[in-house]
Structure formats: C-alpha cells, structure tokens
Amino acid sequence: MSSRTLRPWVTAVALLLAASPLDAQELSLLFVRASSPNAELPAPTGFELAGRVESRGWVLGLGFARYSEETMKTGVVCRVYSPRIDCGSEQVNTNTALGGLRLEVMRDISVGDVARLGAGGGVSFNSVWASADGVSGRRADLQLPNDGQLGYLGRLSVDIAPVPSLPLRVEGSYAVHWVRFRGCADSADPTSGYAPFCGNERFQELAVGLSWDLSGLRGR
C-alpha cells in the first residue's frame, strides 16, 4: 500500500486519538471460520489478532487476519508452461491462504453491566498465497495476483464479561468482507492458466475468542 493511500488513514487515527482521552485499550485473539464462493477458499479457517482503542463510545481497531484451506480437485499440470509442454489433467492438491491488515471504526453500546454490542466497518489490504501440485508431483496450472488486494468490510460484534472483576471478555462477531482480487488471466493468452482470484469476492466470517482489557496497565 502506497504512502499516499495510507496518509488519510493515519491522519484520521491521529485526530481521533487527539480529540479526547482514551477510555479503553484492548487486545483480542479470535478464531475465524469463513465461507465464500471462491473455489480455493470455500470454507477456510484461521485467526484474527487485533488491538483497539476506545474514545467516547467510538472504537478504532487495527488488526491482522489470516485464514487458509486445502482443496483437492481435477486440474491441469504441465512439465513446462510457456510454451506448454507435456500437459494433462490429474488430481491437484492446492493450499491457499488469504491474509492482511484491517483498519476498522466501530460504535459500541453497553447493554447492562456485562455486555456490549458493536457495529461498524473498515478497509483491508490483503495478500494471497497458494501452492498447487498434481499427484504426479508436477506443478499445477494456477494464476496468482502479484500485488496487494484491497477490500472493505462491515462487522457486527458482541462481547460479554463473565466475571466483571477480571479484564477478560468473551467476544463474538459476524463480518462480511469483500475483496477485489486482481489475479485475472488474459483469455487471449494460451499460457495464462487457471485464475480463481479474479474480480470481487465476498467472504462471510464468524469469529469467536477472547479480548483482554489493557486499560489497567496504563497507570503502572
């Protein structure tokens, strides 16, 4: 991501933090189960690690999320791809991961003394990693993006403090994450290959885990 792209987000963060004292600081670790129509990531699993600061009911979060999946399907393998030499169809094992940074802004509402509801959204900057090999050991035909993929997301969350005197909370969330993949293949190029990461893709994410209130550490 270029410095020009980052500059408005850094400015927004600085203005938010300067507007008023921080009410809370939290660190969370969540288990993520996602689903999508993408052939290589139909039901991936992974994690999300995020840090958040709260000021006057507004929550700013910066996190990293990554999930992955292994699939097995019929694909094309070649001994040489350009020009194509000794190609054929066989079962292909593909290991794929999607991960990246997320910047989100949410609004929190307290429900009683132990629960909070939140809603908001933000932007993401993602990368795709994948390896695909046929049962013969030859490399499979797979086109990958060669740069970062931008995305945006909306999220609903709830967290509960089972023991109010402890700094730990149980957290759950549902997010819809749209990623604009830029790994399209040129249909006019006979060597371009299989390109599953092309165009806009929607991922639905369910996450559950723990968050740790760091506010008590500020005075130490």
Protein backbone atom coordinates (compact mmCIF):
# COMPACT_ATOMS: atom_id res chain seq x y z
CA MET A 1 0.00 0.00 0.00
CA SER A 2 1.42 3.36 -1.02
CA SER A 3 2.14 6.20 1.39
CA ARG A 4 -0.49 8.28 -0.44
CA THR A 5 -3.13 5.63 0.34
CA LEU A 6 -2.09 5.36 3.99
CA ARG A 7 -1.86 9.10 4.68
CA PRO A 8 -5.60 9.84 5.15
CA TRP A 9 -5.99 6.87 7.50
CA VAL A 10 -3.03 7.89 9.61
CA THR A 11 -4.44 11.44 9.80
CA ALA A 12 -7.86 10.13 10.85
CA VAL A 13 -6.31 7.98 13.59
CA ALA A 14 -4.27 10.91 14.90
CA LEU A 15 -7.33 13.20 15.00
CA LEU A 16 -9.42 10.60 16.80
CA LEU A 17 -6.80 9.97 19.45
CA ALA A 18 -6.15 13.67 19.96
CA ALA A 19 -9.85 14.54 20.31
CA SER A 20 -10.22 13.12 23.81
CA PRO A 21 -8.54 10.86 26.36
CA LEU A 22 -8.78 7.13 25.67
CA ASP A 23 -11.45 5.31 27.65
CA ALA A 24 -10.15 1.79 26.96
CA GLN A 25 -7.45 -0.21 25.21
CA GLU A 26 -7.97 -3.85 24.26
CA LEU A 27 -6.18 -6.73 22.59
CA SER A 28 -8.19 -9.61 21.12
CA LEU A 29 -7.44 -13.00 19.61
CA LEU A 30 -10.25 -14.68 17.67
CA PHE A 31 -10.76 -17.99 15.87
CA VAL A 32 -12.29 -17.34 12.42
CA ARG A 33 -14.43 -19.59 10.23
CA ALA A 34 -15.25 -18.11 6.81
CA SER A 35 -17.21 -19.09 3.73
CA SER A 36 -17.13 -17.85 0.14
CA PRO A 37 -17.99 -18.87 -3.43
CA ASN A 38 -14.27 -18.97 -4.29
CA ALA A 39 -13.25 -22.45 -5.46
CA GLU A 40 -9.99 -22.36 -3.48
CA LEU A 41 -11.39 -20.83 -0.26
CA PRO A 42 -14.93 -22.25 0.14
CA ALA A 43 -14.72 -22.75 3.94
CA PRO A 44 -11.34 -21.58 5.29
CA THR A 45 -10.39 -21.31 8.95
CA GLY A 46 -7.85 -19.12 10.70
CA PHE A 47 -7.40 -16.35 13.24
CA GLU A 48 -7.62 -12.61 13.78
CA LEU A 49 -5.39 -10.59 16.12
CA ALA A 50 -6.47 -7.01 16.77
CA GLY A 51 -5.72 -4.08 19.01
CA ARG A 52 -8.41 -1.50 19.74
CA VAL A 53 -8.71 1.87 21.45
CA GLU A 54 -12.00 3.45 22.55
CA SER A 55 -12.86 7.09 22.95
CA ARG A 56 -16.39 8.38 23.78
CA GLY A 57 -18.04 5.21 22.50
CA TRP A 58 -16.09 5.09 19.24
CA VAL A 59 -13.68 2.20 18.76
CA LEU A 60 -10.71 2.26 16.40
CA GLY A 61 -9.19 -1.14 15.62
CA LEU A 62 -6.09 -2.27 13.76
CA GLY A 63 -5.71 -6.00 13.19
CA PHE A 64 -4.29 -8.82 11.15
CA ALA A 65 -6.46 -11.71 9.92
CA ARG A 66 -5.42 -14.85 8.09
CA TYR A 67 -7.29 -17.96 7.06
CA SER A 68 -6.42 -20.88 4.82
CA GLU A 69 -7.76 -24.04 3.24
CA GLU A 70 -6.60 -27.14 1.41
CA THR A 71 -8.62 -28.38 -1.57
CA MET A 72 -8.36 -31.36 -3.94
CA LYS A 73 -9.80 -31.22 -7.44
CA THR A 74 -9.04 -32.07 -11.06
CA GLY A 75 -6.67 -29.58 -12.69
CA VAL A 76 -4.08 -29.16 -15.40
CA VAL A 77 -0.38 -29.83 -14.85
CA CYS A 78 2.43 -29.25 -17.32
CA ARG A 79 6.12 -30.02 -17.40
CA VAL A 80 6.71 -26.59 -18.99
CA TYR A 81 4.14 -23.77 -19.11
CA SER A 82 5.48 -21.33 -21.66
CA PRO A 83 5.23 -22.81 -24.22
CA ARG A 84 3.05 -25.58 -22.82
CA ILE A 85 4.79 -28.93 -22.98
CA ASP A 86 3.60 -32.31 -21.71
CA CYS A 87 0.28 -31.14 -20.16
CA GLY A 88 -2.52 -33.27 -18.79
CA SER A 89 -5.37 -33.46 -16.28
CA GLU A 90 -4.96 -35.04 -12.86
CA GLN A 91 -5.93 -34.55 -9.22
CA VAL A 92 -4.40 -31.36 -7.83
CA ASN A 93 -3.78 -30.53 -4.18
CA THR A 94 -3.98 -26.77 -3.53
CA ASN A 95 -3.06 -25.00 -0.29
CA THR A 96 -4.34 -21.42 -0.22
CA ALA A 97 -4.19 -18.63 2.36
CA LEU A 98 -5.65 -15.14 2.43
CA GLY A 99 -4.38 -12.63 4.97
CA GLY A 100 -3.90 -8.97 5.57
CA LEU A 101 -4.20 -5.84 7.67
CA ARG A 102 -7.54 -4.30 8.65
CA LEU A 103 -8.41 -0.84 9.86
CA GLU A 104 -11.92 -0.52 11.34
CA VAL A 105 -14.06 2.05 13.11
CA MET A 106 -16.98 0.83 15.26
CA ARG A 107 -19.60 2.20 17.59
CA ASP A 108 -20.07 0.42 20.93
CA ILE A 109 -23.26 0.34 23.02
CA SER A 110 -23.27 -1.09 26.54
CA VAL A 111 -26.11 -3.46 27.45
CA GLY A 112 -26.27 -3.72 31.21
CA ASP A 113 -23.07 -4.16 33.17
CA VAL A 114 -21.55 -7.14 31.36
CA ALA A 115 -22.41 -6.97 27.64
CA ARG A 116 -21.56 -4.67 24.72
CA LEU A 117 -22.87 -4.52 21.17
CA GLY A 118 -20.86 -3.04 18.32
CA ALA A 119 -21.35 -2.19 14.65
CA GLY A 120 -19.02 -0.68 12.10
CA GLY A 121 -16.66 -1.38 9.24
CA GLY A 122 -13.42 -0.51 7.56
CA VAL A 123 -10.87 -1.33 4.90
CA SER A 124 -8.36 -4.12 4.38
CA PHE A 125 -5.13 -4.71 2.48
CA ASN A 126 -4.69 -8.39 1.60
CA SER A 127 -2.30 -10.88 0.05
CA VAL A 128 -2.91 -14.35 -1.39
CA TRP A 129 -0.51 -17.27 -1.01
CA ALA A 130 -1.04 -20.61 -2.76
CA SER A 131 0.76 -23.74 -3.86
CA ALA A 132 -0.78 -26.27 -6.26
CA ASP A 133 0.74 -29.64 -7.15
CA GLY A 134 -0.59 -32.61 -9.06
CA VAL A 135 -0.45 -36.16 -7.72
CA SER A 136 2.44 -36.75 -10.12
CA GLY A 137 4.46 -34.07 -8.32
CA ARG A 138 4.34 -31.62 -11.23
CA ARG A 139 3.31 -28.01 -10.63
CA ALA A 140 -0.32 -27.26 -11.42
CA ASP A 141 -1.73 -24.50 -13.58
CA LEU A 142 -2.57 -21.58 -11.22
CA GLN A 143 -2.55 -17.82 -11.77
CA LEU A 144 -1.92 -15.71 -8.62
CA PRO A 145 -2.10 -11.94 -8.03
CA ASN A 146 1.37 -10.42 -7.90
CA ASP A 147 0.46 -7.46 -5.67
CA GLY A 148 -1.82 -6.49 -2.78
CA GLN A 149 -5.59 -6.82 -2.92
CA LEU A 150 -7.80 -4.07 -1.46
CA GLY A 151 -11.01 -4.86 0.39
CA TYR A 152 -13.64 -3.47 2.72
CA LEU A 153 -15.82 -5.00 5.41
CA GLY A 154 -18.77 -4.49 7.72
CA ARG A 155 -18.98 -6.07 11.17
CA LEU A 156 -21.44 -6.74 13.98
CA SER A 157 -20.00 -7.80 17.34
CA VAL A 158 -20.97 -8.71 20.88
CA ASP A 159 -18.78 -9.27 23.89
CA ILE A 160 -19.55 -10.37 27.43
CA ALA A 161 -17.63 -10.12 30.68
CA PRO A 162 -18.47 -13.36 32.56
CA VAL A 163 -16.62 -12.07 35.61
CA PRO A 164 -16.74 -8.23 35.65
CA SER A 165 -13.79 -8.02 38.04
CA LEU A 166 -11.49 -9.74 35.52
CA PRO A 167 -10.02 -7.95 32.46
CA LEU A 168 -11.01 -10.77 30.08
CA ARG A 169 -14.12 -10.73 27.87
CA VAL A 170 -15.65 -13.35 25.57
CA GLU A 171 -16.09 -11.89 22.10
CA GLY A 172 -18.01 -12.94 19.00
CA SER A 173 -18.56 -11.24 15.66
CA TYR A 174 -20.06 -11.63 12.20
CA ALA A 175 -18.39 -9.82 9.29
CA VAL A 176 -18.90 -9.58 5.56
CA HIS A 177 -15.59 -8.97 3.80
CA TRP A 178 -15.37 -8.00 0.13
CA VAL A 179 -12.01 -8.43 -1.59
CA ARG A 180 -11.18 -7.13 -5.05
CA PHE A 181 -8.85 -9.76 -6.50
CA ARG A 182 -6.51 -8.66 -9.28
CA GLY A 183 -5.28 -12.05 -10.44
CA CYS A 184 -7.23 -12.19 -13.69
CA ALA A 185 -5.84 -14.08 -16.68
CA ASP A 186 -5.74 -12.84 -20.25
CA SER A 187 -8.16 -15.01 -22.19
CA ALA A 188 -6.20 -14.30 -25.38
CA ASP A 189 -3.03 -15.76 -23.86
CA PRO A 190 -3.00 -19.57 -24.16
CA THR A 191 -0.41 -19.81 -21.36
CA SER A 192 -2.30 -17.65 -18.84
CA GLY A 193 -3.76 -20.62 -16.98
CA TYR A 194 -6.32 -21.15 -14.23
CA ALA A 195 -7.21 -17.86 -12.48
CA PRO A 196 -9.54 -18.30 -9.45
CA PHE A 197 -8.57 -14.94 -7.88
CA CYS A 198 -10.23 -12.54 -10.30
CA GLY A 199 -12.84 -9.86 -9.56
CA ASN A 200 -14.84 -9.08 -6.42
CA GLU A 201 -15.35 -11.91 -3.93
CA ARG A 202 -17.43 -11.92 -0.75
CA PHE A 203 -16.33 -13.72 2.41
CA GLN A 204 -18.64 -14.22 5.37
CA GLU A 205 -16.73 -14.54 8.63
CA LEU A 206 -17.81 -15.87 12.01
CA ALA A 207 -15.29 -15.23 14.79
CA VAL A 208 -15.14 -16.10 18.47
CA GLY A 209 -12.41 -15.62 21.05
CA LEU A 210 -11.14 -13.55 23.95
CA SER A 211 -10.27 -9.90 24.44
CA TRP A 212 -8.03 -8.50 27.14
CA ASP A 213 -8.62 -5.04 28.65
CA LEU A 214 -5.26 -3.26 28.83
CA SER A 215 -6.60 -0.07 30.42
CA GLY A 216 -5.43 -1.09 33.89
CA LEU A 217 -1.83 -1.24 32.69
CA ARG A 218 -1.62 2.42 31.69
CA GLY A 219 -1.07 3.63 35.22
CA ARG A 220 1.69 1.14 36.00
